[in-house]
Protein backbone atom coordinates (compact mmCIF):
# COMPACT_ATOMS: atom_id res chain seq x y z
CA MET A 1 -28.98 24.11 28.74
CA GLN A 2 -27.98 23.39 32.32
CA GLU A 3 -24.36 24.19 33.15
CA LEU A 4 -22.20 22.13 35.47
CA PRO A 5 -21.34 23.68 38.82
CA ILE A 6 -17.73 24.72 39.21
CA GLY A 7 -17.26 22.06 41.88
CA SER A 8 -18.51 19.30 39.59
CA VAL A 9 -16.16 20.38 36.82
CA ALA A 10 -13.25 20.42 39.24
CA GLU A 11 -14.19 16.96 40.48
CA ILE A 12 -14.43 15.55 36.96
CA LEU A 13 -11.12 17.13 35.93
CA SER A 14 -9.32 16.21 39.13
CA THR A 15 -5.63 15.43 39.15
CA ALA A 16 -6.33 11.75 39.82
CA HIS A 17 -8.65 11.51 36.81
CA ILE A 18 -6.18 13.27 34.52
CA LEU A 19 -3.35 11.01 35.66
CA ALA A 20 -5.52 7.94 35.12
CA ALA A 21 -6.36 9.13 31.59
CA LEU A 22 -2.68 9.69 30.84
CA VAL A 23 -1.85 6.20 32.12
CA LEU A 24 -4.50 4.68 29.82
CA ILE A 25 -3.14 6.64 26.84
CA ALA A 26 0.41 5.54 27.64
CA PHE A 27 -0.73 1.92 28.00
CA ALA A 28 -2.57 2.07 24.65
CA TRP A 29 0.52 3.54 22.97
CA PHE A 30 2.73 0.80 24.49
CA LEU A 31 0.25 -1.91 23.50
CA LEU A 32 0.22 -0.67 19.90
CA LYS A 33 4.02 -0.68 19.80
CA VAL A 34 4.05 -4.30 21.00
CA LEU A 35 1.35 -5.27 18.47
CA HIS A 36 3.29 -3.56 15.68
CA LEU A 37 6.51 -5.39 16.57
CA PHE A 38 4.61 -8.67 16.84
CA ALA A 39 2.97 -8.09 13.45
CA GLN A 40 6.37 -7.38 11.87
CA TRP A 41 7.89 -10.49 13.44
CA SER A 42 4.94 -12.64 12.36
CA ALA A 43 5.12 -11.24 8.83
CA ARG A 44 8.80 -12.23 8.61
CA ARG A 45 8.21 -15.61 10.26
CA PHE A 46 5.22 -16.52 8.08
CA SER A 47 6.17 -14.74 4.87
CA ARG A 48 3.47 -16.37 2.76
CA TYR A 49 0.85 -14.72 4.99
CA ARG A 50 2.64 -11.37 5.27
CA MET A 51 -0.11 -9.42 3.51
CA GLN A 52 -2.86 -10.74 5.77
CA ILE A 53 -0.87 -10.21 8.97
CA ILE A 54 0.26 -6.63 8.36
CA GLY A 55 -3.15 -5.75 6.95
CA LEU A 56 -4.77 -6.39 10.34
CA PHE A 57 -2.68 -3.83 12.24
CA PRO A 58 -4.39 -0.60 11.01
CA VAL A 59 -7.81 -1.94 12.06
CA ALA A 60 -6.42 -3.09 15.42
CA ARG A 61 -4.89 0.36 15.98
CA LEU A 62 -8.22 2.07 15.33
CA LEU A 63 -10.08 -0.28 17.67
CA VAL A 64 -7.50 0.17 20.46
CA TRP A 65 -7.81 3.97 20.34
CA ILE A 66 -11.63 3.86 20.23
CA PHE A 67 -11.69 1.56 23.24
CA THR A 68 -9.16 3.75 25.07
CA VAL A 69 -11.25 6.89 24.52
CA TYR A 70 -14.34 5.02 25.71
CA LEU A 71 -12.58 3.93 28.92
CA ILE A 72 -11.33 7.46 29.61
CA VAL A 73 -14.77 9.01 29.19
CA ALA A 74 -16.96 6.28 30.69
CA ASP A 75 -14.77 4.90 33.50
CA VAL A 76 -12.38 7.72 34.41
CA PHE A 77 -14.11 11.08 34.07
CA GLN A 78 -17.72 9.75 34.20
CA PRO A 79 -19.50 13.03 33.37
CA PRO A 80 -23.30 13.22 33.77
CA ALA A 81 -25.17 12.22 30.61
CA ASN A 82 -26.69 15.67 29.94
CA SER A 83 -23.35 17.36 30.51
CA LEU A 84 -21.61 14.84 28.27
CA LEU A 85 -24.00 15.63 25.45
CA ALA A 86 -23.46 19.36 25.93
CA ILE A 87 -19.67 18.93 25.97
CA LEU A 88 -19.70 16.72 22.88
CA ALA A 89 -21.89 19.20 21.01
CA SER A 90 -19.65 22.14 21.91
CA VAL A 91 -16.44 20.28 21.15
CA GLY A 92 -17.86 18.90 17.92
CA LEU A 93 -18.88 22.36 16.73
CA ALA A 94 -15.51 23.91 17.64
CA VAL A 95 -13.49 21.09 16.10
CA GLY A 96 -15.70 20.97 13.02
CA LEU A 97 -15.14 24.66 12.32
CA ALA A 98 -11.42 24.65 13.10
CA ALA A 99 -10.36 21.39 11.49
CA GLN A 100 -12.64 20.57 8.58
CA ASP A 101 -9.81 19.10 6.49
CA VAL A 102 -8.62 16.93 9.37
CA ILE A 103 -12.13 15.60 10.01
CA ARG A 104 -12.60 14.89 6.30
CA ASN A 105 -9.32 12.95 6.28
CA VAL A 106 -10.27 11.01 9.42
CA ILE A 107 -13.66 10.02 7.99
CA SER A 108 -11.94 9.00 4.75
CA GLY A 109 -9.40 6.99 6.77
CA VAL A 110 -12.15 5.06 8.54
CA LEU A 111 -13.78 4.32 5.17
CA ILE A 112 -10.47 3.06 3.77
CA LEU A 113 -9.93 0.77 6.76
CA PHE A 114 -13.36 -0.84 6.49
CA GLU A 115 -13.99 -0.78 2.73
CA LYS A 116 -10.40 -1.99 2.08
CA PRO A 117 -9.70 -0.75 -1.45
CA PHE A 118 -6.13 -1.66 -0.50
CA ARG A 119 -4.19 -2.96 2.48
CA VAL A 120 -0.77 -2.44 3.99
CA GLY A 121 1.65 -4.28 1.71
CA ASP A 122 -0.35 -3.79 -1.50
CA MET A 123 1.24 -2.23 -4.56
CA VAL A 124 -1.02 0.66 -5.59
CA LYS A 125 -1.03 3.67 -7.86
CA ILE A 126 -2.62 6.80 -6.43
CA GLY A 127 -2.50 9.72 -8.83
CA GLU A 128 1.05 9.85 -10.19
CA HIS A 129 2.53 7.87 -7.31
CA TYR A 130 3.12 4.10 -7.41
CA GLY A 131 4.53 2.01 -4.59
CA GLU A 132 3.93 -0.28 -1.62
CA VAL A 133 1.44 0.80 1.03
CA VAL A 134 3.45 0.96 4.26
CA SER A 135 0.96 2.77 6.48
CA ILE A 136 -2.77 3.48 6.60
CA GLY A 137 -3.48 6.11 9.24
CA LEU A 138 -6.55 8.10 10.19
CA ARG A 139 -5.16 11.17 8.41
CA SER A 140 -3.04 9.86 5.55
CA VAL A 141 -1.68 6.91 3.58
CA GLN A 142 2.04 6.38 3.03
CA LEU A 143 3.57 4.74 -0.05
CA HIS A 144 7.13 3.46 -0.37
CA THR A 145 8.12 4.02 -4.00
CA PHE A 146 10.79 2.27 -6.07
CA ASP A 147 12.87 5.45 -5.77
CA ASP A 148 13.16 4.64 -2.04
CA SER A 149 10.98 7.61 -1.13
CA VAL A 150 8.02 7.66 1.25
CA VAL A 151 5.06 9.59 -0.19
CA THR A 152 2.32 10.76 2.20
CA ILE A 153 -1.13 11.26 0.66
CA ALA A 154 -4.12 12.68 2.54
CA ASN A 155 -6.97 10.19 2.94
CA ALA A 156 -9.50 12.61 1.46
CA THR A 157 -7.34 12.79 -1.67
CA VAL A 158 -7.17 8.99 -1.85
CA THR A 159 -10.96 8.52 -1.67
CA SER A 160 -11.65 11.25 -4.22
CA GLN A 161 -9.76 9.62 -7.11
CA ALA A 162 -9.25 6.29 -8.82
CA VAL A 163 -6.83 3.88 -7.10
CA SER A 164 -5.14 1.07 -9.01
CA ASN A 165 -4.31 -1.99 -6.86
CA SER A 166 -1.87 -4.46 -8.43
CA ASN A 167 -2.28 -7.38 -6.03
CA SER A 168 -5.32 -6.76 -3.76
CA GLY A 169 -3.93 -8.46 -0.68
CA ALA A 170 -2.15 -11.31 -2.50
CA LEU A 171 1.57 -11.85 -2.10
CA ASP A 172 2.08 -12.52 -5.81
CA GLU A 173 1.48 -9.92 -8.52
CA MET A 174 1.43 -9.74 -12.31
CA VAL A 175 4.47 -7.97 -13.76
CA VAL A 176 4.33 -6.65 -17.32
CA THR A 177 7.53 -5.88 -19.21
CA SER A 178 7.99 -5.18 -22.93
CA PHE A 179 10.85 -5.13 -25.43
CA THR A 180 11.15 -4.47 -29.16
CA VAL A 181 13.24 -6.22 -31.81
CA PRO A 182 13.57 -5.78 -35.57
CA ALA A 183 10.53 -7.09 -37.43
CA SER A 184 12.76 -9.41 -39.47
CA LEU A 185 13.37 -11.74 -36.51
CA ASP A 186 11.35 -14.94 -36.32
CA VAL A 187 8.35 -14.31 -34.05
CA ASP A 188 8.03 -17.87 -32.75
CA THR A 189 11.72 -18.04 -31.79
CA VAL A 190 11.71 -14.74 -29.93
CA LYS A 191 8.41 -15.57 -28.26
CA GLN A 192 9.83 -18.86 -26.99
CA LEU A 193 12.97 -17.15 -25.67
CA ALA A 194 10.84 -14.56 -23.86
CA SER A 195 8.67 -17.25 -22.29
CA GLU A 196 11.73 -19.23 -21.15
CA ALA A 197 13.35 -16.09 -19.73
CA ALA A 198 10.33 -15.44 -17.51
CA ALA A 199 9.91 -19.11 -16.50
CA CYS A 200 13.61 -19.46 -15.53
CA SER A 201 13.72 -16.35 -13.34
CA PRO A 202 14.21 -17.02 -9.61
CA TYR A 203 11.46 -14.48 -8.89
CA VAL A 204 8.71 -16.09 -10.98
CA TYR A 205 5.55 -17.61 -9.50
CA LEU A 206 5.01 -20.63 -11.75
CA LYS A 207 1.61 -21.57 -10.32
CA LYS A 208 0.21 -18.82 -12.55
CA PRO A 209 0.66 -18.61 -16.33
CA VAL A 210 3.36 -16.84 -18.32
CA THR A 211 1.95 -15.02 -21.37
CA VAL A 212 3.78 -13.38 -24.27
CA LEU A 213 1.89 -10.95 -26.52
CA VAL A 214 3.09 -9.75 -29.93
CA GLU A 215 2.46 -6.39 -31.61
CA ASP A 216 3.84 -4.82 -34.80
CA ILE A 217 4.92 -1.16 -34.51
CA PHE A 218 6.79 1.38 -36.59
CA ASN A 219 9.38 3.72 -35.09
CA ARG A 220 11.77 4.87 -37.85
CA SER A 221 11.77 1.22 -38.93
CA PHE A 222 9.50 -1.79 -38.70
CA LEU A 223 9.71 -3.40 -35.24
CA THR A 224 7.93 -6.09 -33.28
CA ARG A 225 7.04 -5.47 -29.64
CA PHE A 226 6.86 -8.46 -27.30
CA THR A 227 5.04 -8.01 -23.99
CA VAL A 228 5.76 -10.56 -21.26
CA LYS A 229 3.15 -11.03 -18.54
CA ALA A 230 4.15 -13.19 -15.58
CA TYR A 231 3.62 -13.32 -11.84
CA VAL A 232 6.28 -12.52 -9.28
CA LEU A 233 6.57 -14.50 -6.02
CA ASP A 234 6.63 -11.39 -3.85
CA VAL A 235 5.36 -7.92 -4.80
CA ARG A 236 8.54 -6.37 -3.38
CA HIS A 237 10.56 -8.06 -6.14
CA GLU A 238 8.53 -6.53 -8.96
CA ARG A 239 11.32 -4.40 -10.42
CA LEU A 240 13.95 -7.12 -9.90
CA PHE A 241 11.75 -9.56 -11.78
CA ALA A 242 11.20 -7.20 -14.72
CA SER A 243 14.92 -6.43 -14.91
CA ASP A 244 15.85 -10.13 -14.72
CA ILE A 245 13.51 -10.97 -17.62
CA GLN A 246 15.01 -8.18 -19.74
CA GLU A 247 18.57 -9.32 -19.03
CA ARG A 248 17.82 -12.96 -19.83
CA ILE A 249 16.09 -12.08 -23.11
CA LYS A 250 18.91 -9.79 -24.22
CA LYS A 251 21.55 -12.39 -23.39
CA ALA A 252 19.64 -15.15 -25.22
CA LEU A 253 19.23 -13.02 -28.35
CA LEU A 254 22.91 -12.04 -28.40
CA ASP A 255 24.12 -15.60 -27.70
CA ARG A 256 22.11 -16.92 -30.63
CA GLY A 257 23.27 -14.16 -32.96
CA LEU A 258 19.70 -12.93 -33.43
CA LEU A 259 20.56 -9.43 -32.27
CA THR A 260 23.70 -7.75 -33.59
CA SER A 261 25.42 -4.88 -31.84
CA GLU A 262 24.15 -2.46 -34.51
CA LEU A 263 20.56 -3.29 -33.61
CA VAL A 264 20.89 -3.20 -29.83
CA LEU A 265 19.92 0.49 -29.65
CA ALA A 266 16.69 -0.22 -31.50
CA ALA A 267 15.83 -3.28 -29.44
CA LEU A 268 14.93 -4.17 -25.86
CA THR A 269 13.10 -0.94 -25.09
CA ALA A 270 11.63 -1.52 -21.65
CA ASP A 271 8.05 -0.56 -21.00
CA ASP A 272 7.65 -1.76 -17.40
CA ARG A 273 4.65 -1.01 -15.29
């Protein structure tokens, strides 16, 4: 394989070329910052389309960096074609041996961006972690959990296991919350109270149905479990919605004398998703 003369290498890697490459990288970084701020502003301004707006940014970031690398190689350094192939082969071999995990994560990140099993803003469960997707990078995915923690998961780990997506790009999401009461209570009455509690919540999305399921269980005594399924207006209010339903049901049962203080410990056992 023909090697480049020392003079040609020095010309390609001249100070002017390196400075031009750095300027392009700085411009790409600045452009991405502006796009990110614009996406955040647009998401707040048009809240009903928040999921679609913030979901476009990861793809835009990837395209900007690909185009930047292309400009640096093709328009700034402009190496001869045969030398470019030799350089790419050598660099590819060295990087492949030294950073196999990084390359695996990058490839997985590209697959995530284009296959879209989830988007930024979706509520997903990956392994034992559940939360809102706040970032999809080329190396990892970040989740914001309800414990106010940010969990970083390698892309290769994400693509190698099952991922549960609660809303798949939609702003609304089904919330499931359960409670138990003594089996002696009238099922129809409690079911109606549970349905009204969900329908009256300020977080409910009434364009989709509210469903109440009933199940008999035994835990030291005979109980009836009621499971309320309803949709929340915004995925970020999932826990607030579940808590509000529980509070309204408990208050309604106590106000109507259907649940005495002696039975409170056996009732209203939350089983939120």
